[in-house]
C-alpha atoms as a PDB file:
ATOM      1  CA  MET A   1      37.403  45.116 154.914  1.00  0.00           C
ATOM      2  CA  VAL A   2      34.685  46.082 157.971  1.00  0.00           C
ATOM      3  CA  GLU A   3      32.156  45.935 154.941  1.00  0.00           C
ATOM      4  CA  ARG A   4      32.899  42.687 153.992  1.00  0.00           C
ATOM      5  CA  ARG A   5      33.307  41.392 157.657  1.00  0.00           C
ATOM      6  CA  LYS A   6      29.739  42.713 158.385  1.00  0.00           C
ATOM      7  CA  GLU A   7      28.689  40.579 154.657  1.00  0.00           C
ATOM      8  CA  LEU A   8      30.350  37.738 155.658  1.00  0.00           C
ATOM      9  CA  ASP A   9      28.439  37.469 159.170  1.00  0.00           C
ATOM     10  CA  LYS A  10      25.199  38.468 157.706  1.00  0.00           C
ATOM     11  CA  ARG A  11      25.413  35.100 155.046  1.00  0.00           C
ATOM     12  CA  TYR A  12      26.449  33.034 158.205  1.00  0.00           C
ATOM     13  CA  GLN A  13      23.699  33.754 160.353  1.00  0.00           C
ATOM     14  CA  ARG A  14      21.648  33.492 157.332  1.00  0.00           C
ATOM     15  CA  LYS A  15      23.264  29.933 156.444  1.00  0.00           C
ATOM     16  CA  LYS A  16      22.740  29.601 160.060  1.00  0.00           C
ATOM     17  CA  LYS A  17      19.195  30.246 160.811  1.00  0.00           C
ATOM     18  CA  LEU A  18      18.186  28.368 157.407  1.00  0.00           C
ATOM     19  CA  GLY A  19      19.214  25.575 158.760  1.00  0.00           C
ATOM     20  CA  LYS A  20      17.173  25.655 162.105  1.00  0.00           C
ATOM     21  CA  LEU A  21      13.985  26.085 159.959  1.00  0.00           C
ATOM     22  CA  LYS A  22      14.913  23.632 157.546  1.00  0.00           C
ATOM     23  CA  LEU A  23      14.450  21.437 160.848  1.00  0.00           C
ATOM     24  CA  LYS A  24      11.753  23.067 161.719  1.00  0.00           C
ATOM     25  CA  LEU A  25      10.106  22.389 158.254  1.00  0.00           C
ATOM     26  CA  ALA A  26      10.875  18.486 158.201  1.00  0.00           C
ATOM     27  CA  GLN A  27       9.288  17.942 161.579  1.00  0.00           C
ATOM     28  CA  ALA A  28       6.450  19.945 161.517  1.00  0.00           C
ATOM     29  CA  ALA A  29       3.065  17.883 161.625  1.00  0.00           C
ATOM     30  CA  THR A  30       0.077  19.869 159.886  1.00  0.00           C
ATOM     31  CA  PRO A  31      -0.053  21.224 156.990  1.00  0.00           C
ATOM     32  CA  GLY A  32      -0.488  24.898 159.046  1.00  0.00           C
ATOM     33  CA  ASP A  33       2.694  24.727 160.653  1.00  0.00           C
ATOM     34  CA  LYS A  34       4.745  24.030 157.243  1.00  0.00           C
ATOM     35  CA  ASP A  35       3.162  26.649 156.174  1.00  0.00           C
ATOM     36  CA  ALA A  36       4.585  28.777 158.630  1.00  0.00           C
ATOM     37  CA  VAL A  37       8.061  27.765 158.629  1.00  0.00           C
ATOM     38  CA  VAL A  38       8.261  28.099 154.999  1.00  0.00           C
ATOM     39  CA  GLN A  39       6.426  31.554 155.121  1.00  0.00           C
ATOM     40  CA  LYS A  40       9.797  32.060 157.305  1.00  0.00           C
ATOM     41  CA  ILE A  41      11.865  30.503 155.021  1.00  0.00           C
ATOM     42  CA  LEU A  42      10.955  32.542 152.198  1.00  0.00           C
ATOM     43  CA  LYS A  43      11.139  35.840 154.233  1.00  0.00           C
ATOM     44  CA  ILE A  44      14.619  35.076 154.293  1.00  0.00           C
ATOM     45  CA  SER A  45      15.703  33.214 151.237  1.00  0.00           C
ATOM     46  CA  PRO A  46      13.396  34.358 148.234  1.00  0.00           C
ATOM     47  CA  TRP A  47      14.854  31.947 145.803  1.00  0.00           C
ATOM     48  CA  TRP A  48      14.598  28.801 148.233  1.00  0.00           C
ATOM     49  CA  SER A  49      12.635  25.780 147.009  1.00  0.00           C
ATOM     50  CA  GLU A  50      11.335  23.140 148.769  1.00  0.00           C
ATOM     51  CA  LYS A  51      12.853  20.919 146.062  1.00  0.00           C
ATOM     52  CA  PRO A  52      16.225  20.434 145.021  1.00  0.00           C
ATOM     53  CA  ALA A  53      17.025  22.195 141.613  1.00  0.00           C
ATOM     54  CA  VAL A  54      19.895  19.483 141.221  1.00  0.00           C
ATOM     55  CA  ALA A  55      19.444  15.409 141.423  1.00  0.00           C
ATOM     56  CA  GLY A  56      22.773  15.438 143.043  1.00  0.00           C
ATOM     57  CA  ALA A  57      22.087  18.219 145.607  1.00  0.00           C
ATOM     58  CA  LYS A  58      23.316  17.896 149.016  1.00  0.00           C
ATOM     59  CA  SER A  59      21.853  16.952 151.895  1.00  0.00           C
ATOM     60  CA  THR A  60      21.167  19.704 154.814  1.00  0.00           C
ATOM     61  CA  ALA A  61      21.580  17.204 157.426  1.00  0.00           C
ATOM     62  CA  PRO A  62      24.407  17.884 159.442  1.00  0.00           C
ATOM     63  CA  LYS A  63      27.458  16.641 159.274  1.00  0.00           C
ATOM     64  CA  LYS A  64      29.004  14.193 162.117  1.00  0.00           C
ATOM     65  CA  PRO A  65      32.334  14.430 163.097  1.00  0.00           C
ATOM     66  CA  ARG A  66      35.000  12.492 161.887  1.00  0.00           C
ATOM     67  CA  ALA A  67      37.565  10.441 164.567  1.00  0.00           C
ATOM     68  CA  PRO A  68      40.720  11.107 163.682  1.00  0.00           C
ATOM     69  CA  ALA A  69      42.431   8.369 161.682  1.00  0.00           C
ATOM     70  CA  SER A  70      45.277   6.450 164.302  1.00  0.00           C
ATOM     71  CA  ARG A  71      48.660   5.911 162.798  1.00  0.00           C
ATOM     72  CA  LYS A  72      50.700   2.736 163.731  1.00  0.00           C
ATOM     73  CA  LYS A  73      54.263   2.938 163.760  1.00  0.00           C
ATOM     74  CA  SER A  74      55.258  -0.209 161.622  1.00  0.00           C
END
């Protein structure tokens, strides 16, 4: 079970780091900056591509937390 926990922890850390790098890539101004960020992303995730493979791919933008719905007693 310890090995599985280590694998999961690495996966979560990788996802968090990729999210930060993708945000940096979106904010990069010069082609040199973009290339440097892409190289870092490819080092972590070699199968990553800038274009989504599926037309209906999910956005990488962080989701806004939903406010709990108020329940009215009738």
